[in-house]
Amino acid sequence: FCESDGVDHPLSLYAATKRANELMAHTYSHLYGIPTTGLRFFTV
């Protein structure tokens, strides 16, 4: 999985909320200049 891959087909609501977080973060970074980094954790 690469960060440039499409992520538009979540298989659970949990996954959908995490993708929503990424989109929300981008909005705040764009509108207000807040530096944001989303980390996609893999089976910790």
All heavy atoms as atom14 arrays in JSON, in Angstrom:
{
  "sequence": "FCESDGVDHPLSLYAATKRANELMAHTYSHLYGIPTTGLRFFTV",
  "atom14_mask": [
    [1, 1, 1, 1, 1, 1, 1, 1, 1, 1, 1, 0, 0, 0],
    [1, 1, 1, 1, 1, 1, 0, 0, 0, 0, 0, 0, 0, 0],
    [1, 1, 1, 1, 1, 1, 1, 1, 1, 0, 0, 0, 0, 0],
    [1, 1, 1, 1, 1, 1, 0, 0, 0, 0, 0, 0, 0, 0],
    [1, 1, 1, 1, 1, 1, 1, 1, 0, 0, 0, 0, 0, 0],
    [1, 1, 1, 1, 0, 0, 0, 0, 0, 0, 0, 0, 0, 0],
    [1, 1, 1, 1, 1, 1, 1, 0, 0, 0, 0, 0, 0, 0],
    [1, 1, 1, 1, 1, 1, 1, 1, 0, 0, 0, 0, 0, 0],
    [1, 1, 1, 1, 1, 1, 1, 1, 1, 1, 0, 0, 0, 0],
    [1, 1, 1, 1, 1, 1, 1, 0, 0, 0, 0, 0, 0, 0],
    [1, 1, 1, 1, 1, 1, 1, 1, 0, 0, 0, 0, 0, 0],
    [1, 1, 1, 1, 1, 1, 0, 0, 0, 0, 0, 0, 0, 0],
    [1, 1, 1, 1, 1, 1, 1, 1, 0, 0, 0, 0, 0, 0],
    [1, 1, 1, 1, 1, 1, 1, 1, 1, 1, 1, 1, 0, 0],
    [1, 1, 1, 1, 1, 0, 0, 0, 0, 0, 0, 0, 0, 0],
    [1, 1, 1, 1, 1, 0, 0, 0, 0, 0, 0, 0, 0, 0],
    [1, 1, 1, 1, 1, 1, 1, 0, 0, 0, 0, 0, 0, 0],
    [1, 1, 1, 1, 1, 1, 1, 1, 1, 0, 0, 0, 0, 0],
    [1, 1, 1, 1, 1, 1, 1, 1, 1, 1, 1, 0, 0, 0],
    [1, 1, 1, 1, 1, 0, 0, 0, 0, 0, 0, 0, 0, 0],
    [1, 1, 1, 1, 1, 1, 1, 1, 0, 0, 0, 0, 0, 0],
    [1, 1, 1, 1, 1, 1, 1, 1, 1, 0, 0, 0, 0, 0],
    [1, 1, 1, 1, 1, 1, 1, 1, 0, 0, 0, 0, 0, 0],
    [1, 1, 1, 1, 1, 1, 1, 1, 0, 0, 0, 0, 0, 0],
    [1, 1, 1, 1, 1, 0, 0, 0, 0, 0, 0, 0, 0, 0],
    [1, 1, 1, 1, 1, 1, 1, 1, 1, 1, 0, 0, 0, 0],
    [1, 1, 1, 1, 1, 1, 1, 0, 0, 0, 0, 0, 0, 0],
    [1, 1, 1, 1, 1, 1, 1, 1, 1, 1, 1, 1, 0, 0],
    [1, 1, 1, 1, 1, 1, 0, 0, 0, 0, 0, 0, 0, 0],
    [1, 1, 1, 1, 1, 1, 1, 1, 1, 1, 0, 0, 0, 0],
    [1, 1, 1, 1, 1, 1, 1, 1, 0, 0, 0, 0, 0, 0],
    [1, 1, 1, 1, 1, 1, 1, 1, 1, 1, 1, 1, 0, 0],
    [1, 1, 1, 1, 0, 0, 0, 0, 0, 0, 0, 0, 0, 0],
    [1, 1, 1, 1, 1, 1, 1, 1, 0, 0, 0, 0, 0, 0],
    [1, 1, 1, 1, 1, 1, 1, 0, 0, 0, 0, 0, 0, 0],
    [1, 1, 1, 1, 1, 1, 1, 0, 0, 0, 0, 0, 0, 0],
    [1, 1, 1, 1, 1, 1, 1, 0, 0, 0, 0, 0, 0, 0],
    [1, 1, 1, 1, 0, 0, 0, 0, 0, 0, 0, 0, 0, 0],
    [1, 1, 1, 1, 1, 1, 1, 1, 0, 0, 0, 0, 0, 0],
    [1, 1, 1, 1, 1, 1, 1, 1, 1, 1, 1, 0, 0, 0],
    [1, 1, 1, 1, 1, 1, 1, 1, 1, 1, 1, 0, 0, 0],
    [1, 1, 1, 1, 1, 1, 1, 1, 1, 1, 1, 0, 0, 0],
    [1, 1, 1, 1, 1, 1, 1, 0, 0, 0, 0, 0, 0, 0],
    [1, 1, 1, 1, 1, 1, 1, 0, 0, 0, 0, 0, 0, 0]
  ],
  "atom14_positions": [
    [[0.84, -1.19, 0.0], [0.0, 0.0, 0.0], [0.88, 1.24, 0.0], [1.78, 1.39, 0.83], [-0.89, 0.04, 1.24], [-1.91, -1.08, 1.3], [-2.34, -1.54, 2.54], [-2.43, -1.64, 0.16], [-3.29, -2.56, 2.61], [-3.37, -2.66, 0.23], [-3.81, -3.12, 1.46], [0.0, 0.0, 0.0], [0.0, 0.0, 0.0], [0.0, 0.0, 0.0]],
    [[0.6, 2.14, -0.91], [1.33, 3.4, -1.01], [0.38, 4.56, -0.74], [-0.81, 4.49, -1.08], [1.96, 3.54, -2.4], [2.88, 5.06, -2.65], [0.0, 0.0, 0.0], [0.0, 0.0, 0.0], [0.0, 0.0, 0.0], [0.0, 0.0, 0.0], [0.0, 0.0, 0.0], [0.0, 0.0, 0.0], [0.0, 0.0, 0.0], [0.0, 0.0, 0.0]],
    [[0.87, 5.61, -0.14], [0.03, 6.75, 0.22], [-0.63, 7.4, -0.99], [-1.65, 8.08, -0.85], [0.84, 7.8, 0.98], [1.38, 7.34, 2.32], [2.78, 6.77, 2.22], [3.19, 6.35, 1.11], [3.48, 6.74, 3.26], [0.0, 0.0, 0.0], [0.0, 0.0, 0.0], [0.0, 0.0, 0.0], [0.0, 0.0, 0.0], [0.0, 0.0, 0.0]],
    [[-0.06, 7.2, -2.17], [-0.66, 7.77, -3.38], [-1.8, 6.92, -3.93], [-2.49, 7.32, -4.87], [0.42, 7.95, -4.46], [1.02, 6.71, -4.78], [0.0, 0.0, 0.0], [0.0, 0.0, 0.0], [0.0, 0.0, 0.0], [0.0, 0.0, 0.0], [0.0, 0.0, 0.0], [0.0, 0.0, 0.0], [0.0, 0.0, 0.0], [0.0, 0.0, 0.0]],
    [[-2.02, 5.73, -3.35], [-3.13, 4.86, -3.79], [-4.47, 5.48, -3.44], [-4.6, 6.22, -2.46], [-3.03, 3.49, -3.12], [-1.84, 2.68, -3.6], [-1.32, 2.99, -4.68], [-1.45, 1.72, -2.89], [0.0, 0.0, 0.0], [0.0, 0.0, 0.0], [0.0, 0.0, 0.0], [0.0, 0.0, 0.0], [0.0, 0.0, 0.0], [0.0, 0.0, 0.0]],
    [[-5.48, 5.12, -4.21], [-6.84, 5.54, -3.88], [-7.33, 4.86, -2.62], [-7.02, 3.69, -2.37], [0.0, 0.0, 0.0], [0.0, 0.0, 0.0], [0.0, 0.0, 0.0], [0.0, 0.0, 0.0], [0.0, 0.0, 0.0], [0.0, 0.0, 0.0], [0.0, 0.0, 0.0], [0.0, 0.0, 0.0], [0.0, 0.0, 0.0], [0.0, 0.0, 0.0]],
    [[-8.09, 5.59, -1.82], [-8.64, 5.03, -0.57], [-10.13, 5.37, -0.47], [-10.61, 5.79, 0.57], [-7.87, 5.55, 0.67], [-6.51, 4.88, 0.77], [-7.69, 7.06, 0.63], [0.0, 0.0, 0.0], [0.0, 0.0, 0.0], [0.0, 0.0, 0.0], [0.0, 0.0, 0.0], [0.0, 0.0, 0.0], [0.0, 0.0, 0.0], [0.0, 0.0, 0.0]],
    [[-10.82, 5.13, -1.56], [-12.23, 5.5, -1.64], [-13.18, 4.32, -1.49], [-14.37, 4.45, -1.77], [-12.5, 6.19, -2.98], [-11.74, 7.5, -3.12], [-11.59, 8.2, -2.1], [-11.28, 7.8, -4.23], [0.0, 0.0, 0.0], [0.0, 0.0, 0.0], [0.0, 0.0, 0.0], [0.0, 0.0, 0.0], [0.0, 0.0, 0.0], [0.0, 0.0, 0.0]],
    [[-12.68, 3.18, -1.03], [-13.53, 2.0, -0.89], [-13.35, 1.35, 0.48], [-12.89, 0.2, 0.58], [-13.23, 1.0, -2.02], [-13.45, 1.56, -3.38], [-12.48, 2.23, -4.08], [-14.56, 1.58, -4.15], [-12.96, 2.62, -5.24], [-14.23, 2.26, -5.31], [0.0, 0.0, 0.0], [0.0, 0.0, 0.0], [0.0, 0.0, 0.0], [0.0, 0.0, 0.0]],
    [[-13.69, 2.07, 1.56], [-13.55, 1.49, 2.9], [-14.49, 0.3, 3.08], [-15.58, 0.26, 2.51], [-13.94, 2.65, 3.83], [-14.81, 3.53, 2.99], [-14.27, 3.43, 1.59], [0.0, 0.0, 0.0], [0.0, 0.0, 0.0], [0.0, 0.0, 0.0], [0.0, 0.0, 0.0], [0.0, 0.0, 0.0], [0.0, 0.0, 0.0], [0.0, 0.0, 0.0]],
    [[-14.05, -0.65, 3.9], [-14.83, -1.87, 4.13], [-15.48, -1.91, 5.5], [-16.12, -2.89, 5.86], [-13.94, -3.1, 3.94], [-13.29, -3.25, 2.55], [-12.48, -4.55, 2.49], [-14.33, -3.21, 1.45], [0.0, 0.0, 0.0], [0.0, 0.0, 0.0], [0.0, 0.0, 0.0], [0.0, 0.0, 0.0], [0.0, 0.0, 0.0], [0.0, 0.0, 0.0]],
    [[-15.29, -0.86, 6.29], [-15.92, -0.77, 7.6], [-16.16, 0.7, 7.95], [-15.49, 1.58, 7.38], [-15.04, -1.41, 8.68], [-13.85, -0.66, 8.87], [0.0, 0.0, 0.0], [0.0, 0.0, 0.0], [0.0, 0.0, 0.0], [0.0, 0.0, 0.0], [0.0, 0.0, 0.0], [0.0, 0.0, 0.0], [0.0, 0.0, 0.0], [0.0, 0.0, 0.0]],
    [[-17.07, 0.95, 8.86], [-17.3, 2.33, 9.28], [-16.07, 2.88, 9.99], [-15.75, 4.07, 9.86], [-18.51, 2.41, 10.21], [-18.86, 3.83, 10.66], [-19.28, 4.7, 9.48], [-19.96, 3.81, 11.72], [0.0, 0.0, 0.0], [0.0, 0.0, 0.0], [0.0, 0.0, 0.0], [0.0, 0.0, 0.0], [0.0, 0.0, 0.0], [0.0, 0.0, 0.0]],
    [[-15.37, 2.02, 10.73], [-14.13, 2.47, 11.36], [-13.18, 3.04, 10.32], [-12.63, 4.13, 10.49], [-13.47, 1.29, 12.1], [-12.05, 1.57, 12.54], [-11.79, 2.47, 13.58], [-10.97, 0.95, 11.91], [-10.5, 2.73, 13.98], [-9.67, 1.21, 12.31], [-9.44, 2.11, 13.35], [-8.15, 2.39, 13.73], [0.0, 0.0, 0.0], [0.0, 0.0, 0.0]],
    [[-12.97, 2.3, 9.23], [-12.09, 2.78, 8.17], [-12.6, 4.08, 7.57], [-11.82, 5.0, 7.27], [-11.95, 1.71, 7.09], [0.0, 0.0, 0.0], [0.0, 0.0, 0.0], [0.0, 0.0, 0.0], [0.0, 0.0, 0.0], [0.0, 0.0, 0.0], [0.0, 0.0, 0.0], [0.0, 0.0, 0.0], [0.0, 0.0, 0.0], [0.0, 0.0, 0.0]],
    [[-13.9, 4.18, 7.39], [-14.48, 5.39, 6.81], [-14.24, 6.6, 7.7], [-13.96, 7.71, 7.21], [-15.98, 5.2, 6.57], [0.0, 0.0, 0.0], [0.0, 0.0, 0.0], [0.0, 0.0, 0.0], [0.0, 0.0, 0.0], [0.0, 0.0, 0.0], [0.0, 0.0, 0.0], [0.0, 0.0, 0.0], [0.0, 0.0, 0.0], [0.0, 0.0, 0.0]],
    [[-14.31, 6.42, 9.03], [-14.08, 7.55, 9.92], [-12.61, 7.97, 9.89], [-12.3, 9.17, 9.99], [-14.48, 7.23, 11.37], [-13.68, 6.15, 11.89], [-15.95, 6.88, 11.47], [0.0, 0.0, 0.0], [0.0, 0.0, 0.0], [0.0, 0.0, 0.0], [0.0, 0.0, 0.0], [0.0, 0.0, 0.0], [0.0, 0.0, 0.0], [0.0, 0.0, 0.0]],
    [[-11.71, 7.02, 9.72], [-10.29, 7.37, 9.66], [-9.97, 8.11, 8.37], [-9.17, 9.06, 8.35], [-9.43, 6.11, 9.79], [-9.41, 5.54, 11.2], [-8.85, 6.55, 12.18], [-8.74, 6.04, 13.59], [-8.18, 7.05, 14.52], [0.0, 0.0, 0.0], [0.0, 0.0, 0.0], [0.0, 0.0, 0.0], [0.0, 0.0, 0.0], [0.0, 0.0, 0.0]],
    [[-10.59, 7.71, 7.28], [-10.41, 8.45, 6.03], [-11.02, 9.84, 6.16], [-10.46, 10.84, 5.67], [-11.04, 7.69, 4.87], [-10.96, 8.42, 3.53], [-9.54, 8.78, 3.17], [-9.47, 9.49, 1.89], [-8.53, 10.37, 1.58], [-7.55, 10.65, 2.44], [-8.52, 10.94, 0.39], [0.0, 0.0, 0.0], [0.0, 0.0, 0.0], [0.0, 0.0, 0.0]],
    [[-12.16, 9.93, 6.83], [-12.78, 11.23, 7.05], [-11.86, 12.15, 7.85], [-11.78, 13.36, 7.59], [-14.12, 11.07, 7.78], [0.0, 0.0, 0.0], [0.0, 0.0, 0.0], [0.0, 0.0, 0.0], [0.0, 0.0, 0.0], [0.0, 0.0, 0.0], [0.0, 0.0, 0.0], [0.0, 0.0, 0.0], [0.0, 0.0, 0.0], [0.0, 0.0, 0.0]],
    [[-11.15, 11.59, 8.82], [-10.18, 12.39, 9.59], [-9.14, 13.01, 8.68], [-8.77, 14.18, 8.83], [-9.48, 11.51, 10.63], [-10.35, 11.14, 11.8], [-9.97, 10.31, 12.62], [-11.54, 11.72, 11.92], [0.0, 0.0, 0.0], [0.0, 0.0, 0.0], [0.0, 0.0, 0.0], [0.0, 0.0, 0.0], [0.0, 0.0, 0.0], [0.0, 0.0, 0.0]],
    [[-8.65, 12.24, 7.71], [-7.64, 12.76, 6.79], [-8.2, 13.92, 5.97], [-7.52, 14.94, 5.75], [-7.15, 11.64, 5.87], [-6.42, 10.53, 6.61], [-6.03, 9.36, 5.72], [-6.42, 9.37, 4.53], [-5.34, 8.44, 6.21], [0.0, 0.0, 0.0], [0.0, 0.0, 0.0], [0.0, 0.0, 0.0], [0.0, 0.0, 0.0], [0.0, 0.0, 0.0]],
    [[-9.43, 13.79, 5.52], [-10.06, 14.85, 4.74], [-10.32, 16.09, 5.59], [-10.11, 17.23, 5.14], [-11.36, 14.35, 4.12], [-11.23, 13.17, 3.15], [-12.6, 12.67, 2.74], [-10.42, 13.56, 1.92], [0.0, 0.0, 0.0], [0.0, 0.0, 0.0], [0.0, 0.0, 0.0], [0.0, 0.0, 0.0], [0.0, 0.0, 0.0], [0.0, 0.0, 0.0]],
    [[-10.77, 15.89, 6.82], [-11.0, 17.01, 7.73], [-9.69, 17.74, 8.02], [-9.64, 18.98, 8.05], [-11.63, 16.5, 9.02], [-13.04, 15.93, 8.83], [-13.57, 14.9, 10.24], [-13.84, 16.16, 11.49], [0.0, 0.0, 0.0], [0.0, 0.0, 0.0], [0.0, 0.0, 0.0], [0.0, 0.0, 0.0], [0.0, 0.0, 0.0], [0.0, 0.0, 0.0]],
    [[-8.62, 16.97, 8.24], [-7.32, 17.57, 8.52], [-6.86, 18.42, 7.34], [-6.33, 19.54, 7.53], [-6.29, 16.49, 8.83], [0.0, 0.0, 0.0], [0.0, 0.0, 0.0], [0.0, 0.0, 0.0], [0.0, 0.0, 0.0], [0.0, 0.0, 0.0], [0.0, 0.0, 0.0], [0.0, 0.0, 0.0], [0.0, 0.0, 0.0], [0.0, 0.0, 0.0]],
    [[-7.05, 17.92, 6.12], [-6.64, 18.71, 4.96], [-7.38, 20.03, 4.9], [-6.8, 21.08, 4.58], [-6.85, 17.94, 3.66], [-6.37, 18.72, 2.47], [-7.2, 19.56, 1.75], [-5.14, 18.83, 1.9], [-6.5, 20.14, 0.78], [-5.25, 19.71, 0.85], [0.0, 0.0, 0.0], [0.0, 0.0, 0.0], [0.0, 0.0, 0.0], [0.0, 0.0, 0.0]],
    [[-8.66, 20.0, 5.2], [-9.45, 21.23, 5.18], [-8.87, 22.26, 6.13], [-8.72, 23.44, 5.78], [-10.91, 20.93, 5.55], [-11.44, 19.96, 4.63], [-11.76, 22.18, 5.5], [0.0, 0.0, 0.0], [0.0, 0.0, 0.0], [0.0, 0.0, 0.0], [0.0, 0.0, 0.0], [0.0, 0.0, 0.0], [0.0, 0.0, 0.0], [0.0, 0.0, 0.0]],
    [[-8.53, 21.84, 7.34], [-7.99, 22.78, 8.34], [-6.58, 23.22, 7.98], [-6.2, 24.37, 8.24], [-8.05, 22.16, 9.74], [-9.38, 22.42, 10.41], [-10.55, 21.85, 9.92], [-9.48, 23.27, 11.51], [-11.78, 22.1, 10.52], [-10.7, 23.53, 12.12], [-11.85, 22.94, 11.61], [-13.06, 23.21, 12.19], [0.0, 0.0, 0.0], [0.0, 0.0, 0.0]],
    [[-5.81, 22.34, 7.37], [-4.48, 22.74, 6.9], [-4.6, 23.8, 5.8], [-3.84, 24.77, 5.76], [-3.71, 21.52, 6.37], [-3.42, 20.61, 7.4], [0.0, 0.0, 0.0], [0.0, 0.0, 0.0], [0.0, 0.0, 0.0], [0.0, 0.0, 0.0], [0.0, 0.0, 0.0], [0.0, 0.0, 0.0], [0.0, 0.0, 0.0], [0.0, 0.0, 0.0]],
    [[-5.57, 23.59, 4.91], [-5.76, 24.52, 3.8], [-6.34, 25.87, 4.26], [-5.84, 26.93, 3.88], [-6.7, 23.89, 2.77], [-7.14, 24.83, 1.7], [-6.31, 25.27, 0.68], [-8.34, 25.44, 1.49], [-6.97, 26.1, -0.11], [-8.21, 26.22, 0.36], [0.0, 0.0, 0.0], [0.0, 0.0, 0.0], [0.0, 0.0, 0.0], [0.0, 0.0, 0.0]],
    [[-7.35, 25.81, 5.09], [-8.03, 27.04, 5.48], [-7.25, 27.86, 6.51], [-7.24, 29.09, 6.45], [-9.42, 26.72, 6.04], [-10.46, 26.19, 5.05], [-11.73, 25.79, 5.79], [-10.78, 27.24, 3.98], [0.0, 0.0, 0.0], [0.0, 0.0, 0.0], [0.0, 0.0, 0.0], [0.0, 0.0, 0.0], [0.0, 0.0, 0.0], [0.0, 0.0, 0.0]],
    [[-6.61, 27.16, 7.44], [-6.03, 27.85, 8.59], [-4.51, 27.68, 8.71], [-3.92, 28.2, 9.65], [-6.71, 27.38, 9.88], [-8.22, 27.46, 9.8], [-9.0, 26.31, 9.85], [-8.86, 28.69, 9.63], [-10.39, 26.37, 9.76], [-10.25, 28.76, 9.53], [-11.0, 27.6, 9.59], [-12.37, 27.67, 9.49], [0.0, 0.0, 0.0], [0.0, 0.0, 0.0]],
    [[-3.91, 26.95, 7.78], [-2.46, 26.8, 7.8], [-1.93, 25.94, 8.92], [-0.75, 26.05, 9.29], [0.0, 0.0, 0.0], [0.0, 0.0, 0.0], [0.0, 0.0, 0.0], [0.0, 0.0, 0.0], [0.0, 0.0, 0.0], [0.0, 0.0, 0.0], [0.0, 0.0, 0.0], [0.0, 0.0, 0.0], [0.0, 0.0, 0.0], [0.0, 0.0, 0.0]],
    [[-2.77, 25.06, 9.49], [-2.32, 24.19, 10.58], [-1.55, 23.0, 9.99], [-2.12, 22.23, 9.21], [-3.51, 23.66, 11.39], [-4.32, 24.82, 11.97], [-3.03, 22.72, 12.5], [-5.66, 24.38, 12.54], [0.0, 0.0, 0.0], [0.0, 0.0, 0.0], [0.0, 0.0, 0.0], [0.0, 0.0, 0.0], [0.0, 0.0, 0.0], [0.0, 0.0, 0.0]],
    [[-0.28, 22.83, 10.32], [0.45, 21.65, 9.84], [-0.14, 20.37, 10.44], [-0.26, 20.25, 11.66], [1.88, 21.88, 10.33], [1.97, 23.36, 10.57], [0.61, 23.75, 11.06], [0.0, 0.0, 0.0], [0.0, 0.0, 0.0], [0.0, 0.0, 0.0], [0.0, 0.0, 0.0], [0.0, 0.0, 0.0], [0.0, 0.0, 0.0], [0.0, 0.0, 0.0]],
    [[-0.53, 19.43, 9.58], [-1.11, 18.17, 10.05], [-0.44, 16.99, 9.37], [-0.12, 17.04, 8.19], [-2.63, 18.09, 9.78], [-2.86, 18.08, 8.36], [-3.37, 19.26, 10.41], [0.0, 0.0, 0.0], [0.0, 0.0, 0.0], [0.0, 0.0, 0.0], [0.0, 0.0, 0.0], [0.0, 0.0, 0.0], [0.0, 0.0, 0.0], [0.0, 0.0, 0.0]],
    [[-0.24, 15.93, 10.15], [0.29, 14.68, 9.62], [-0.57, 13.53, 10.11], [-0.74, 13.34, 11.32], [1.75, 14.43, 10.09], [2.59, 15.49, 9.61], [2.26, 13.1, 9.54], [0.0, 0.0, 0.0], [0.0, 0.0, 0.0], [0.0, 0.0, 0.0], [0.0, 0.0, 0.0], [0.0, 0.0, 0.0], [0.0, 0.0, 0.0], [0.0, 0.0, 0.0]],
    [[-1.14, 12.78, 9.18], [-1.89, 11.58, 9.52], [-1.02, 10.36, 9.35], [-0.34, 10.2, 8.32], [0.0, 0.0, 0.0], [0.0, 0.0, 0.0], [0.0, 0.0, 0.0], [0.0, 0.0, 0.0], [0.0, 0.0, 0.0], [0.0, 0.0, 0.0], [0.0, 0.0, 0.0], [0.0, 0.0, 0.0], [0.0, 0.0, 0.0], [0.0, 0.0, 0.0]],
    [[-0.98, 9.51, 10.35], [-0.15, 8.3, 10.32], [-1.04, 7.07, 10.2], [-1.87, 6.81, 11.08], [0.71, 8.21, 11.58], [1.78, 9.29, 11.72], [2.48, 9.18, 13.07], [2.81, 9.2, 10.6], [0.0, 0.0, 0.0], [0.0, 0.0, 0.0], [0.0, 0.0, 0.0], [0.0, 0.0, 0.0], [0.0, 0.0, 0.0], [0.0, 0.0, 0.0]],
    [[-0.87, 6.35, 9.11], [-1.65, 5.14, 8.88], [-0.93, 3.96, 9.54], [0.01, 3.39, 8.99], [-1.83, 4.92, 7.37], [-2.69, 5.98, 6.73], [-2.71, 5.87, 5.21], [-3.63, 6.85, 4.61], [-3.74, 7.08, 3.3], [-2.96, 6.42, 2.45], [-4.59, 7.98, 2.86], [0.0, 0.0, 0.0], [0.0, 0.0, 0.0], [0.0, 0.0, 0.0]],
    [[-1.38, 3.6, 10.74], [-0.76, 2.53, 11.51], [-1.09, 1.17, 10.9], [-2.23, 0.91, 10.5], [-1.24, 2.55, 12.95], [-0.85, 3.77, 13.73], [-1.71, 4.32, 14.68], [0.37, 4.38, 13.55], [-1.35, 5.43, 15.41], [0.75, 5.49, 14.28], [-0.13, 6.02, 15.21], [0.0, 0.0, 0.0], [0.0, 0.0, 0.0], [0.0, 0.0, 0.0]],
    [[-0.1, 0.28, 10.91], [-0.27, -1.08, 10.41], [-0.11, -2.07, 11.56], [0.98, -2.25, 12.09], [0.75, -1.38, 9.31], [0.39, -0.84, 7.96], [0.42, 0.53, 7.72], [0.02, -1.68, 6.93], [0.09, 1.04, 6.48], [-0.32, -1.19, 5.68], [-0.28, 0.18, 5.44], [0.0, 0.0, 0.0], [0.0, 0.0, 0.0], [0.0, 0.0, 0.0]],
    [[-1.19, -2.69, 11.99], [-1.26, -3.8, 12.96], [-0.2, -3.7, 14.04], [0.8, -4.45, 14.05], [-1.16, -5.16, 12.25], [-2.0, -5.18, 11.09], [-1.62, -6.29, 13.19], [0.0, 0.0, 0.0], [0.0, 0.0, 0.0], [0.0, 0.0, 0.0], [0.0, 0.0, 0.0], [0.0, 0.0, 0.0], [0.0, 0.0, 0.0], [0.0, 0.0, 0.0]],
    [[-0.41, -2.79, 14.96], [0.55, -2.55, 16.04], [0.39, -3.62, 17.12], [-0.73, -3.97, 17.51], [0.34, -1.15, 16.64], [1.48, -0.81, 17.6], [0.22, -0.1, 15.54], [0.0, 0.0, 0.0], [0.0, 0.0, 0.0], [0.0, 0.0, 0.0], [0.0, 0.0, 0.0], [0.0, 0.0, 0.0], [0.0, 0.0, 0.0], [0.0, 0.0, 0.0]]
  ]
}
